[in-house]
Amino acid sequence: MKKENIFSWLESNVGLSPAQFLSRPLKGFAKKALNPGLAILLLIQLLASCSGSGRVVRTMPPEDRQFLSEVRYLISKKEKKIFMRTHSAERKQFIEDFWKQRDPDPTTAENEFRAEYYRRIDFANHLFRGGDSGWLSDRGRIYILLGEPERRDAFPSGYSFYEPPVEIWYYGYFPIIFVDYQREGLYKLEPSSARRMSMINVAQQQLKPPGITRNIRQFDFVLTLQAAGPGEAKLLFEVPYRVTNLVQNDQSGALETRIKLQVLVINQAGETVLEKEELHPVSVDRNKLEQLGKTFTIEFALKLPPGQYTAKTTLENTADRNQVRKEIKIKI
């Protein structure tokens, strides 16, 4: 099947562009998710279609070149041609329209699609190393286009003593295999794995083997209040390691993630007196995980006038986007 036919089928039958479909975990796309076969085939074709007119791009201002580089996994050939032919003074409007067309919920202040895309780039740069930036590596591209895998199996010594290191990522029931052929941390997408995926029936075959279920760990935390002095208190967030998805950092070998904390404090009149967001890195040596206890603690200091308040809190694990919201009453 030709590329044009696949893209046309996606547009006409589902109403989504390939890039929108591949980012289906984003808000507003859940009801439009398709079977994994089409996702993998589109991914292969997108990875093979990232070429353009280098001469024209090199003459562009730095900010325009940066935009084209950053959206290489999203922009269509038609959009890229239009952008390169657009006068430099009008490209700013093109960029605004580019993201606006991909906004799953225009009624909100934040473009969730854009925020998630750049979050994935940042996370890929943090985790994956190689000859290029992490987001330009094979693993980075897969992570950005398909998101966090449901399971990630690593074999740093290979399947056997004589084989190179291997990683297997699972999306649904489709394994994606990466091999470090040179044993230098440069993991490449295995060609035979890509060939097998391209042979899957496009969109028709529903692959859901009976009796297979996924063991999902529910992210959670315990929220308590601790007095800290006149007009002061602390919110303590105790998070179990066993429910926190940690991803191995290639450079350090540590298991890592980042926990995003959001706190909103309102008084008895319903007025907001405090609103803050923090990012807390979590890093642990795989071999010492059992020695660190069952939880890690995040502290948030409060300094408020005497009175009664309600703190509305949210913790989000940026590795898999799982989040939990809890409230607690405060008396100062």
C-alpha atoms as a PDB file:
ATOM      1  CA  MET A   1       0.000   0.000   0.000  1.00  0.00           C
ATOM      2  CA  LYS A   2       1.335   3.413  -0.909  1.00  0.00           C
ATOM      3  CA  LYS A   3       1.957   6.126   1.635  1.00  0.00           C
ATOM      4  CA  GLU A   4      -0.693   8.407   0.130  1.00  0.00           C
ATOM      5  CA  ASN A   5      -3.341   5.706   0.477  1.00  0.00           C
ATOM      6  CA  ILE A   6      -2.552   5.073   4.136  1.00  0.00           C
ATOM      7  CA  PHE A   7      -2.592   8.760   4.983  1.00  0.00           C
ATOM      8  CA  SER A   8      -5.807   9.257   3.007  1.00  0.00           C
ATOM      9  CA  TRP A   9      -7.443   6.324   4.785  1.00  0.00           C
ATOM     10  CA  LEU A  10      -6.489   7.789   8.154  1.00  0.00           C
ATOM     11  CA  GLU A  11      -7.800  11.247   7.275  1.00  0.00           C
ATOM     12  CA  SER A  12     -11.086  10.077   5.726  1.00  0.00           C
ATOM     13  CA  ASN A  13     -12.000   7.299   8.159  1.00  0.00           C
ATOM     14  CA  VAL A  14     -10.742   8.682  11.443  1.00  0.00           C
ATOM     15  CA  GLY A  15     -10.376  12.423  10.962  1.00  0.00           C
ATOM     16  CA  LEU A  16      -6.847  12.531  12.350  1.00  0.00           C
ATOM     17  CA  SER A  17      -3.511  13.339  10.787  1.00  0.00           C
ATOM     18  CA  PRO A  18      -0.782  10.688  11.287  1.00  0.00           C
ATOM     19  CA  ALA A  19       0.960  12.857  13.885  1.00  0.00           C
ATOM     20  CA  GLN A  20      -2.284  13.369  15.814  1.00  0.00           C
ATOM     21  CA  PHE A  21      -2.993   9.658  15.783  1.00  0.00           C
ATOM     22  CA  LEU A  22       0.451   8.720  17.031  1.00  0.00           C
ATOM     23  CA  SER A  23       0.006  11.132  19.947  1.00  0.00           C
ATOM     24  CA  ARG A  24      -3.379   9.621  20.829  1.00  0.00           C
ATOM     25  CA  PRO A  25      -2.708   9.463  24.634  1.00  0.00           C
ATOM     26  CA  LEU A  26      -3.179  13.250  24.659  1.00  0.00           C
ATOM     27  CA  LYS A  27      -6.360  14.764  26.008  1.00  0.00           C
ATOM     28  CA  GLY A  28      -9.236  14.488  23.584  1.00  0.00           C
ATOM     29  CA  PHE A  29      -7.829  11.612  21.518  1.00  0.00           C
ATOM     30  CA  ALA A  30      -8.767   8.664  23.744  1.00  0.00           C
ATOM     31  CA  LYS A  31     -11.938   7.802  21.862  1.00  0.00           C
ATOM     32  CA  LYS A  32     -10.133   7.846  18.518  1.00  0.00           C
ATOM     33  CA  ALA A  33      -7.419   5.307  19.310  1.00  0.00           C
ATOM     34  CA  LEU A  34      -6.842   2.733  16.575  1.00  0.00           C
ATOM     35  CA  ASN A  35      -5.291  -0.687  16.638  1.00  0.00           C
ATOM     36  CA  PRO A  36      -1.510  -0.905  17.127  1.00  0.00           C
ATOM     37  CA  GLY A  37      -0.882  -2.268  13.615  1.00  0.00           C
ATOM     38  CA  LEU A  38      -1.693   1.016  11.910  1.00  0.00           C
ATOM     39  CA  ALA A  39       0.247   2.988  14.525  1.00  0.00           C
ATOM     40  CA  ILE A  40       3.414   1.010  13.918  1.00  0.00           C
ATOM     41  CA  LEU A  41       3.118   1.183  10.124  1.00  0.00           C
ATOM     42  CA  LEU A  42       2.580   4.948  10.221  1.00  0.00           C
ATOM     43  CA  LEU A  43       5.535   5.295  12.551  1.00  0.00           C
ATOM     44  CA  ILE A  44       7.814   3.445  10.121  1.00  0.00           C
ATOM     45  CA  GLN A  45       6.716   5.668   7.261  1.00  0.00           C
ATOM     46  CA  LEU A  46       7.104   8.868   9.266  1.00  0.00           C
ATOM     47  CA  LEU A  47      10.644   7.889  10.226  1.00  0.00           C
ATOM     48  CA  ALA A  48      11.441   7.391   6.551  1.00  0.00           C
ATOM     49  CA  SER A  49       9.961  10.696   5.379  1.00  0.00           C
ATOM     50  CA  CYS A  50      12.128  13.200   7.271  1.00  0.00           C
ATOM     51  CA  SER A  51      14.070  14.583   4.288  1.00  0.00           C
ATOM     52  CA  GLY A  52      13.810  18.065   2.791  1.00  0.00           C
ATOM     53  CA  SER A  53      15.570  20.787   0.895  1.00  0.00           C
ATOM     54  CA  GLY A  54      18.663  21.408   2.993  1.00  0.00           C
ATOM     55  CA  ARG A  55      19.844  24.324   0.905  1.00  0.00           C
ATOM     56  CA  VAL A  56      16.690  26.379   1.547  1.00  0.00           C
ATOM     57  CA  VAL A  57      16.679  25.512   5.239  1.00  0.00           C
ATOM     58  CA  ARG A  58      20.294  26.671   5.698  1.00  0.00           C
ATOM     59  CA  THR A  59      19.390  30.156   4.452  1.00  0.00           C
ATOM     60  CA  MET A  60      16.604  30.584   7.015  1.00  0.00           C
ATOM     61  CA  PRO A  61      16.948  32.596  10.240  1.00  0.00           C
ATOM     62  CA  PRO A  62      18.008  30.490  13.261  1.00  0.00           C
ATOM     63  CA  GLU A  63      14.541  30.531  14.865  1.00  0.00           C
ATOM     64  CA  ASP A  64      12.922  29.177  11.684  1.00  0.00           C
ATOM     65  CA  ARG A  65      15.540  26.432  11.337  1.00  0.00           C
ATOM     66  CA  GLN A  66      14.986  25.522  14.969  1.00  0.00           C
ATOM     67  CA  PHE A  67      11.228  25.229  14.427  1.00  0.00           C
ATOM     68  CA  LEU A  68      11.673  22.922  11.431  1.00  0.00           C
ATOM     69  CA  SER A  69      14.134  20.799  13.357  1.00  0.00           C
ATOM     70  CA  GLU A  70      11.908  20.458  16.408  1.00  0.00           C
ATOM     71  CA  VAL A  71       8.734  19.527  14.495  1.00  0.00           C
ATOM     72  CA  ARG A  72      10.423  17.067  12.121  1.00  0.00           C
ATOM     73  CA  TYR A  73       8.262  14.237  13.487  1.00  0.00           C
ATOM     74  CA  LEU A  74       5.007  16.167  13.056  1.00  0.00           C
ATOM     75  CA  ILE A  75       5.164  18.379   9.999  1.00  0.00           C
ATOM     76  CA  SER A  76       3.784  17.034   6.722  1.00  0.00           C
ATOM     77  CA  LYS A  77       5.614  17.400   3.402  1.00  0.00           C
ATOM     78  CA  LYS A  78       2.972  19.852   2.229  1.00  0.00           C
ATOM     79  CA  GLU A  79       3.297  21.972   5.373  1.00  0.00           C
ATOM     80  CA  LYS A  80       7.071  21.974   5.077  1.00  0.00           C
ATOM     81  CA  LYS A  81       6.933  23.155   1.461  1.00  0.00           C
ATOM     82  CA  ILE A  82       4.526  25.946   2.400  1.00  0.00           C
ATOM     83  CA  PHE A  83       6.727  26.993   5.321  1.00  0.00           C
ATOM     84  CA  MET A  84       9.859  27.163   3.143  1.00  0.00           C
ATOM     85  CA  ARG A  85       8.033  29.216   0.512  1.00  0.00           C
ATOM     86  CA  THR A  86       6.490  31.584   3.056  1.00  0.00           C
ATOM     87  CA  HIS A  87       8.116  34.987   3.496  1.00  0.00           C
ATOM     88  CA  SER A  88      10.169  35.179   6.681  1.00  0.00           C
ATOM     89  CA  ALA A  89       7.909  37.919   8.081  1.00  0.00           C
ATOM     90  CA  GLU A  90       4.888  35.594   7.833  1.00  0.00           C
ATOM     91  CA  ARG A  91       6.440  32.452   9.285  1.00  0.00           C
ATOM     92  CA  LYS A  92       5.576  33.451  12.842  1.00  0.00           C
ATOM     93  CA  GLN A  93       1.897  33.292  11.935  1.00  0.00           C
ATOM     94  CA  PHE A  94       2.469  29.928  10.229  1.00  0.00           C
ATOM     95  CA  ILE A  95       3.999  28.546  13.437  1.00  0.00           C
ATOM     96  CA  GLU A  96       1.050  29.787  15.504  1.00  0.00           C
ATOM     97  CA  ASP A  97      -1.400  28.174  13.071  1.00  0.00           C
ATOM     98  CA  PHE A  98       0.659  24.970  12.995  1.00  0.00           C
ATOM     99  CA  TRP A  99       0.214  24.419  16.725  1.00  0.00           C
ATOM    100  CA  LYS A 100      -3.348  25.749  16.782  1.00  0.00           C
ATOM    101  CA  GLN A 101      -4.443  23.092  14.274  1.00  0.00           C
ATOM    102  CA  ARG A 102      -3.070  20.406  16.590  1.00  0.00           C
ATOM    103  CA  ASP A 103      -4.612  21.763  19.801  1.00  0.00           C
ATOM    104  CA  PRO A 104      -6.983  19.053  21.108  1.00  0.00           C
ATOM    105  CA  ASP A 105      -8.881  21.524  23.317  1.00  0.00           C
ATOM    106  CA  PRO A 106      -8.845  25.157  22.085  1.00  0.00           C
ATOM    107  CA  THR A 107     -10.960  26.222  25.082  1.00  0.00           C
ATOM    108  CA  THR A 108      -8.002  25.818  27.450  1.00  0.00           C
ATOM    109  CA  ALA A 109      -5.134  28.274  27.813  1.00  0.00           C
ATOM    110  CA  GLU A 110      -2.504  25.574  27.248  1.00  0.00           C
ATOM    111  CA  ASN A 111      -2.033  23.667  24.024  1.00  0.00           C
ATOM    112  CA  GLU A 112      -1.854  20.164  25.504  1.00  0.00           C
ATOM    113  CA  PHE A 113      -0.474  18.659  22.303  1.00  0.00           C
ATOM    114  CA  ARG A 114       2.429  21.109  22.094  1.00  0.00           C
ATOM    115  CA  ALA A 115       3.210  20.788  25.812  1.00  0.00           C
ATOM    116  CA  GLU A 116       3.249  16.981  25.613  1.00  0.00           C
ATOM    117  CA  TYR A 117       5.396  16.969  22.482  1.00  0.00           C
ATOM    118  CA  TYR A 118       8.097  19.144  24.050  1.00  0.00           C
ATOM    119  CA  ARG A 119       7.862  17.196  27.311  1.00  0.00           C
ATOM    120  CA  ARG A 120       8.681  14.040  25.375  1.00  0.00           C
ATOM    121  CA  ILE A 121      11.635  15.756  23.669  1.00  0.00           C
ATOM    122  CA  ASP A 122      12.970  16.910  27.027  1.00  0.00           C
ATOM    123  CA  PHE A 123      12.512  13.476  28.575  1.00  0.00           C
ATOM    124  CA  ALA A 124      14.203  11.753  25.616  1.00  0.00           C
ATOM    125  CA  ASN A 125      17.191  14.113  25.874  1.00  0.00           C
ATOM    126  CA  HIS A 126      17.437  13.332  29.567  1.00  0.00           C
ATOM    127  CA  LEU A 127      17.351   9.556  29.202  1.00  0.00           C
ATOM    128  CA  PHE A 128      18.863   8.560  25.889  1.00  0.00           C
ATOM    129  CA  ARG A 129      22.406   9.261  24.777  1.00  0.00           C
ATOM    130  CA  GLY A 130      24.268   8.524  21.591  1.00  0.00           C
ATOM    131  CA  GLY A 131      25.962  10.258  18.678  1.00  0.00           C
ATOM    132  CA  ASP A 132      23.100  12.773  18.530  1.00  0.00           C
ATOM    133  CA  SER A 133      20.908  14.401  21.122  1.00  0.00           C
ATOM    134  CA  GLY A 134      18.651  11.891  22.831  1.00  0.00           C
ATOM    135  CA  TRP A 135      15.537  13.011  20.980  1.00  0.00           C
ATOM    136  CA  LEU A 136      17.242  12.388  17.608  1.00  0.00           C
ATOM    137  CA  SER A 137      18.229   8.822  18.460  1.00  0.00           C
ATOM    138  CA  ASP A 138      16.112   5.849  17.391  1.00  0.00           C
ATOM    139  CA  ARG A 139      14.835   5.362  20.921  1.00  0.00           C
ATOM    140  CA  GLY A 140      14.133   9.078  21.232  1.00  0.00           C
ATOM    141  CA  ARG A 141      12.079   9.123  18.028  1.00  0.00           C
ATOM    142  CA  ILE A 142      10.031   6.123  19.111  1.00  0.00           C
ATOM    143  CA  TYR A 143       9.437   7.626  22.558  1.00  0.00           C
ATOM    144  CA  ILE A 144       8.329  10.975  21.118  1.00  0.00           C
ATOM    145  CA  LEU A 145       5.969   9.440  18.558  1.00  0.00           C
ATOM    146  CA  LEU A 146       4.482   6.635  20.659  1.00  0.00           C
ATOM    147  CA  GLY A 147       5.082   7.815  24.218  1.00  0.00           C
ATOM    148  CA  GLU A 148       6.145   5.762  27.222  1.00  0.00           C
ATOM    149  CA  PRO A 149       6.140   2.019  26.448  1.00  0.00           C
ATOM    150  CA  GLU A 150       3.927  -0.212  28.537  1.00  0.00           C
ATOM    151  CA  ARG A 151       6.980  -2.301  29.368  1.00  0.00           C
ATOM    152  CA  ARG A 152      10.683  -1.857  28.758  1.00  0.00           C
ATOM    153  CA  ASP A 153      12.944  -4.911  29.006  1.00  0.00           C
ATOM    154  CA  ALA A 154      16.693  -4.242  29.011  1.00  0.00           C
ATOM    155  CA  PHE A 155      19.394  -6.843  28.370  1.00  0.00           C
ATOM    156  CA  PRO A 156      22.683  -4.930  28.913  1.00  0.00           C
ATOM    157  CA  SER A 157      24.686  -8.123  28.320  1.00  0.00           C
ATOM    158  CA  GLY A 158      22.578  -9.249  25.371  1.00  0.00           C
ATOM    159  CA  TYR A 159      20.553 -12.421  25.154  1.00  0.00           C
ATOM    160  CA  SER A 160      23.788 -14.341  25.604  1.00  0.00           C
ATOM    161  CA  PHE A 161      27.417 -13.576  26.420  1.00  0.00           C
ATOM    162  CA  TYR A 162      28.387 -13.106  22.761  1.00  0.00           C
ATOM    163  CA  GLU A 163      25.493 -10.847  21.706  1.00  0.00           C
ATOM    164  CA  PRO A 164      25.253  -7.024  21.889  1.00  0.00           C
ATOM    165  CA  PRO A 165      23.004  -5.204  24.399  1.00  0.00           C
ATOM    166  CA  VAL A 166      19.304  -5.246  23.545  1.00  0.00           C
ATOM    167  CA  GLU A 167      16.208  -3.317  24.639  1.00  0.00           C
ATOM    168  CA  ILE A 168      12.640  -4.400  23.916  1.00  0.00           C
ATOM    169  CA  TRP A 169       9.780  -1.916  24.231  1.00  0.00           C
ATOM    170  CA  TYR A 170       6.191  -3.108  24.273  1.00  0.00           C
ATOM    171  CA  TYR A 171       3.253  -1.094  22.950  1.00  0.00           C
ATOM    172  CA  GLY A 172       0.178  -3.243  23.342  1.00  0.00           C
ATOM    173  CA  TYR A 173       1.294  -6.572  21.901  1.00  0.00           C
ATOM    174  CA  PHE A 174       3.910  -5.162  19.528  1.00  0.00           C
ATOM    175  CA  PRO A 175       7.560  -5.425  20.593  1.00  0.00           C
ATOM    176  CA  ILE A 176       9.992  -2.821  19.266  1.00  0.00           C
ATOM    177  CA  ILE A 177      13.602  -3.989  19.451  1.00  0.00           C
ATOM    178  CA  PHE A 178      16.717  -1.810  19.741  1.00  0.00           C
ATOM    179  CA  VAL A 179      20.252  -3.194  19.493  1.00  0.00           C
ATOM    180  CA  ASP A 180      23.544  -1.593  20.587  1.00  0.00           C
ATOM    181  CA  TYR A 181      25.627  -3.185  17.834  1.00  0.00           C
ATOM    182  CA  GLN A 182      28.867  -1.381  18.739  1.00  0.00           C
ATOM    183  CA  ARG A 183      28.374  -1.676  22.522  1.00  0.00           C
ATOM    184  CA  GLU A 184      28.781   2.100  22.818  1.00  0.00           C
ATOM    185  CA  GLY A 185      25.267   3.041  23.940  1.00  0.00           C
ATOM    186  CA  LEU A 186      24.144   3.711  20.331  1.00  0.00           C
ATOM    187  CA  TYR A 187      20.935   1.687  20.230  1.00  0.00           C
ATOM    188  CA  LYS A 188      19.478   1.244  16.730  1.00  0.00           C
ATOM    189  CA  LEU A 189      16.053   0.017  15.664  1.00  0.00           C
ATOM    190  CA  GLU A 190      16.442  -3.601  14.575  1.00  0.00           C
ATOM    191  CA  PRO A 191      15.665  -3.950  10.816  1.00  0.00           C
ATOM    192  CA  SER A 192      13.982  -7.340  11.138  1.00  0.00           C
ATOM    193  CA  SER A 193      11.705  -5.937  13.833  1.00  0.00           C
ATOM    194  CA  ALA A 194      10.640  -3.115  11.508  1.00  0.00           C
ATOM    195  CA  ARG A 195      10.056  -5.553   8.641  1.00  0.00           C
ATOM    196  CA  ARG A 196       7.867  -7.786  10.764  1.00  0.00           C
ATOM    197  CA  MET A 197       5.754  -4.848  11.893  1.00  0.00           C
ATOM    198  CA  SER A 198       5.284  -3.585   8.333  1.00  0.00           C
ATOM    199  CA  MET A 199       3.785  -6.941   7.339  1.00  0.00           C
ATOM    200  CA  ILE A 200       0.928  -6.628   9.814  1.00  0.00           C
ATOM    201  CA  ASN A 201      -2.470  -6.148   8.201  1.00  0.00           C
ATOM    202  CA  VAL A 202      -3.181  -2.425   8.125  1.00  0.00           C
ATOM    203  CA  ALA A 203      -6.019  -1.513  10.484  1.00  0.00           C
ATOM    204  CA  GLN A 204      -8.048  -4.654   9.726  1.00  0.00           C
ATOM    205  CA  GLN A 205      -6.464  -7.150  12.098  1.00  0.00           C
ATOM    206  CA  GLN A 206      -7.272  -6.689  15.762  1.00  0.00           C
ATOM    207  CA  LEU A 207      -4.397  -8.174  17.741  1.00  0.00           C
ATOM    208  CA  LYS A 208      -5.620  -8.987  21.209  1.00  0.00           C
ATOM    209  CA  PRO A 209      -4.513 -12.465  22.288  1.00  0.00           C
ATOM    210  CA  PRO A 210      -6.888 -14.009  24.866  1.00  0.00           C
ATOM    211  CA  GLY A 211      -5.734 -14.407  28.410  1.00  0.00           C
ATOM    212  CA  ILE A 212      -3.089 -11.668  28.297  1.00  0.00           C
ATOM    213  CA  THR A 213      -3.496  -8.809  30.740  1.00  0.00           C
ATOM    214  CA  ARG A 214      -1.259  -5.982  31.832  1.00  0.00           C
ATOM    215  CA  ASN A 215      -0.299  -5.544  35.454  1.00  0.00           C
ATOM    216  CA  ILE A 216      -0.839  -1.831  36.070  1.00  0.00           C
ATOM    217  CA  ARG A 217       0.691  -0.232  39.152  1.00  0.00           C
ATOM    218  CA  GLN A 218      -1.569   2.522  40.445  1.00  0.00           C
ATOM    219  CA  PHE A 219       0.424   5.647  41.267  1.00  0.00           C
ATOM    220  CA  ASP A 220      -0.516   7.008  44.707  1.00  0.00           C
ATOM    221  CA  PHE A 221       0.782   8.908  47.724  1.00  0.00           C
ATOM    222  CA  VAL A 222      -0.040   9.650  51.377  1.00  0.00           C
ATOM    223  CA  LEU A 223      -0.575  13.330  52.237  1.00  0.00           C
ATOM    224  CA  THR A 224      -0.061  14.598  55.798  1.00  0.00           C
ATOM    225  CA  LEU A 225       0.350  17.981  57.500  1.00  0.00           C
ATOM    226  CA  GLN A 226       3.189  18.802  59.881  1.00  0.00           C
ATOM    227  CA  ALA A 227       3.406  21.897  62.086  1.00  0.00           C
ATOM    228  CA  ALA A 228       6.657  23.830  61.634  1.00  0.00           C
ATOM    229  CA  GLY A 229       6.343  26.926  63.829  1.00  0.00           C
ATOM    230  CA  PRO A 230       4.164  30.053  64.169  1.00  0.00           C
ATOM    231  CA  GLY A 231       2.342  30.631  60.890  1.00  0.00           C
ATOM    232  CA  GLU A 232       4.220  27.783  59.238  1.00  0.00           C
ATOM    233  CA  ALA A 233       3.449  24.207  58.260  1.00  0.00           C
ATOM    234  CA  LYS A 234       4.669  21.497  55.927  1.00  0.00           C
ATOM    235  CA  LEU A 235       2.833  19.275  53.507  1.00  0.00           C
ATOM    236  CA  LEU A 236       4.444  15.837  53.399  1.00  0.00           C
ATOM    237  CA  PHE A 237       3.937  13.629  50.353  1.00  0.00           C
ATOM    238  CA  GLU A 238       4.991  10.024  50.947  1.00  0.00           C
ATOM    239  CA  VAL A 239       5.263   8.134  47.649  1.00  0.00           C
ATOM    240  CA  PRO A 240       5.844   4.351  47.495  1.00  0.00           C
ATOM    241  CA  TYR A 241       8.643   3.289  45.146  1.00  0.00           C
ATOM    242  CA  ARG A 242       6.651   0.206  44.109  1.00  0.00           C
ATOM    243  CA  VAL A 243       3.947   2.328  42.417  1.00  0.00           C
ATOM    244  CA  THR A 244       6.359   4.805  40.828  1.00  0.00           C
ATOM    245  CA  ASN A 245       7.484   4.112  37.284  1.00  0.00           C
ATOM    246  CA  LEU A 246      11.257   4.688  37.125  1.00  0.00           C
ATOM    247  CA  VAL A 247      13.263   4.656  33.891  1.00  0.00           C
ATOM    248  CA  GLN A 248      16.952   3.792  33.633  1.00  0.00           C
ATOM    249  CA  ASN A 249      19.281   6.651  32.689  1.00  0.00           C
ATOM    250  CA  ASP A 250      21.800   5.426  30.108  1.00  0.00           C
ATOM    251  CA  GLN A 251      24.586   7.717  31.318  1.00  0.00           C
ATOM    252  CA  SER A 252      24.420   7.073  35.059  1.00  0.00           C
ATOM    253  CA  GLY A 253      22.644   3.720  35.140  1.00  0.00           C
ATOM    254  CA  ALA A 254      20.330   5.076  37.849  1.00  0.00           C
ATOM    255  CA  LEU A 255      16.562   4.639  37.883  1.00  0.00           C
ATOM    256  CA  GLU A 256      15.017   8.081  37.482  1.00  0.00           C
ATOM    257  CA  THR A 257      11.907  10.138  37.015  1.00  0.00           C
ATOM    258  CA  ARG A 258      10.656  13.602  37.889  1.00  0.00           C
ATOM    259  CA  ILE A 259       7.625  14.242  40.072  1.00  0.00           C
ATOM    260  CA  LYS A 260       5.621  17.362  39.288  1.00  0.00           C
ATOM    261  CA  LEU A 261       3.937  18.856  42.357  1.00  0.00           C
ATOM    262  CA  GLN A 262       1.099  21.373  42.120  1.00  0.00           C
ATOM    263  CA  VAL A 263      -0.343  23.044  45.213  1.00  0.00           C
ATOM    264  CA  LEU A 264      -3.372  25.347  45.347  1.00  0.00           C
ATOM    265  CA  VAL A 265      -4.360  26.823  48.727  1.00  0.00           C
ATOM    266  CA  ILE A 266      -7.728  28.552  49.199  1.00  0.00           C
ATOM    267  CA  ASN A 267      -9.178  30.290  52.255  1.00  0.00           C
ATOM    268  CA  GLN A 268     -12.663  29.863  53.729  1.00  0.00           C
ATOM    269  CA  ALA A 269     -14.018  32.507  51.339  1.00  0.00           C
ATOM    270  CA  GLY A 270     -12.885  30.410  48.387  1.00  0.00           C
ATOM    271  CA  GLU A 271     -10.107  32.826  47.449  1.00  0.00           C
ATOM    272  CA  THR A 272      -6.765  31.559  46.187  1.00  0.00           C
ATOM    273  CA  VAL A 273      -3.971  32.566  48.563  1.00  0.00           C
ATOM    274  CA  LEU A 274      -1.199  30.366  47.168  1.00  0.00           C
ATOM    275  CA  GLU A 275      -0.587  28.599  43.877  1.00  0.00           C
ATOM    276  CA  LYS A 276       2.723  26.957  43.066  1.00  0.00           C
ATOM    277  CA  GLU A 277       4.252  24.230  40.899  1.00  0.00           C
ATOM    278  CA  GLU A 278       7.527  22.408  41.549  1.00  0.00           C
ATOM    279  CA  LEU A 279       9.504  19.665  39.817  1.00  0.00           C
ATOM    280  CA  HIS A 280      11.261  17.137  42.054  1.00  0.00           C
ATOM    281  CA  PRO A 281      13.861  14.769  40.529  1.00  0.00           C
ATOM    282  CA  VAL A 282      13.933  11.196  41.825  1.00  0.00           C
ATOM    283  CA  SER A 283      17.048   9.095  41.275  1.00  0.00           C
ATOM    284  CA  VAL A 284      17.999   5.795  42.864  1.00  0.00           C
ATOM    285  CA  ASP A 285      20.710   3.212  42.290  1.00  0.00           C
ATOM    286  CA  ARG A 286      19.063   0.022  41.037  1.00  0.00           C
ATOM    287  CA  ASN A 287      21.225  -2.077  43.384  1.00  0.00           C
ATOM    288  CA  LYS A 288      20.326   0.051  46.417  1.00  0.00           C
ATOM    289  CA  LEU A 289      16.588   0.318  45.821  1.00  0.00           C
ATOM    290  CA  GLU A 290      15.742  -2.210  48.541  1.00  0.00           C
ATOM    291  CA  GLN A 291      17.865  -0.292  51.068  1.00  0.00           C
ATOM    292  CA  LEU A 292      16.006   2.992  50.652  1.00  0.00           C
ATOM    293  CA  GLY A 293      12.804   1.886  52.359  1.00  0.00           C
ATOM    294  CA  LYS A 294       9.367   1.658  50.897  1.00  0.00           C
ATOM    295  CA  THR A 295       8.700   5.349  50.188  1.00  0.00           C
ATOM    296  CA  PHE A 296      10.352   8.639  49.328  1.00  0.00           C
ATOM    297  CA  THR A 297       9.106  11.935  50.767  1.00  0.00           C
ATOM    298  CA  ILE A 298       8.517  15.313  49.142  1.00  0.00           C
ATOM    299  CA  GLU A 299       8.139  18.331  51.439  1.00  0.00           C
ATOM    300  CA  PHE A 300       6.274  21.536  50.636  1.00  0.00           C
ATOM    301  CA  ALA A 301       6.634  24.467  53.064  1.00  0.00           C
ATOM    302  CA  LEU A 302       3.658  26.718  53.830  1.00  0.00           C
ATOM    303  CA  LYS A 303       3.723  30.174  55.402  1.00  0.00           C
ATOM    304  CA  LEU A 304       0.234  31.621  55.876  1.00  0.00           C
ATOM    305  CA  PRO A 305      -1.620  34.099  58.106  1.00  0.00           C
ATOM    306  CA  PRO A 306      -3.680  32.561  60.930  1.00  0.00           C
ATOM    307  CA  GLY A 307      -6.860  30.948  59.632  1.00  0.00           C
ATOM    308  CA  GLN A 308      -8.355  27.858  58.056  1.00  0.00           C
ATOM    309  CA  TYR A 309      -7.491  26.753  54.548  1.00  0.00           C
ATOM    310  CA  THR A 310      -7.840  23.910  52.085  1.00  0.00           C
ATOM    311  CA  ALA A 311      -4.830  22.696  50.127  1.00  0.00           C
ATOM    312  CA  LYS A 312      -5.589  21.045  46.784  1.00  0.00           C
ATOM    313  CA  THR A 313      -2.590  19.060  45.620  1.00  0.00           C
ATOM    314  CA  THR A 314      -1.591  17.103  42.528  1.00  0.00           C
ATOM    315  CA  LEU A 315       1.378  14.782  42.070  1.00  0.00           C
ATOM    316  CA  GLU A 316       2.307  13.645  38.561  1.00  0.00           C
ATOM    317  CA  ASN A 317       4.971  11.158  37.535  1.00  0.00           C
ATOM    318  CA  THR A 318       6.388  12.673  34.342  1.00  0.00           C
ATOM    319  CA  ALA A 319       7.684   9.279  33.192  1.00  0.00           C
ATOM    320  CA  ASP A 320       4.211   7.911  32.483  1.00  0.00           C
ATOM    321  CA  ARG A 321       1.920  10.930  33.097  1.00  0.00           C
ATOM    322  CA  ASN A 322       0.082   9.171  35.938  1.00  0.00           C
ATOM    323  CA  GLN A 323      -1.260  11.709  38.409  1.00  0.00           C
ATOM    324  CA  VAL A 324      -3.208  11.752  41.666  1.00  0.00           C
ATOM    325  CA  ARG A 325      -5.105  14.626  43.302  1.00  0.00           C
ATOM    326  CA  LYS A 326      -5.753  14.975  47.038  1.00  0.00           C
ATOM    327  CA  GLU A 327      -7.011  17.653  49.430  1.00  0.00           C
ATOM    328  CA  ILE A 328      -6.198  18.403  53.050  1.00  0.00           C
ATOM    329  CA  LYS A 329      -7.562  20.899  55.595  1.00  0.00           C
ATOM    330  CA  ILE A 330      -5.090  23.319  57.154  1.00  0.00           C
ATOM    331  CA  LYS A 331      -5.426  25.331  60.356  1.00  0.00           C
ATOM    332  CA  ILE A 332      -2.760  27.921  61.094  1.00  0.00           C
END
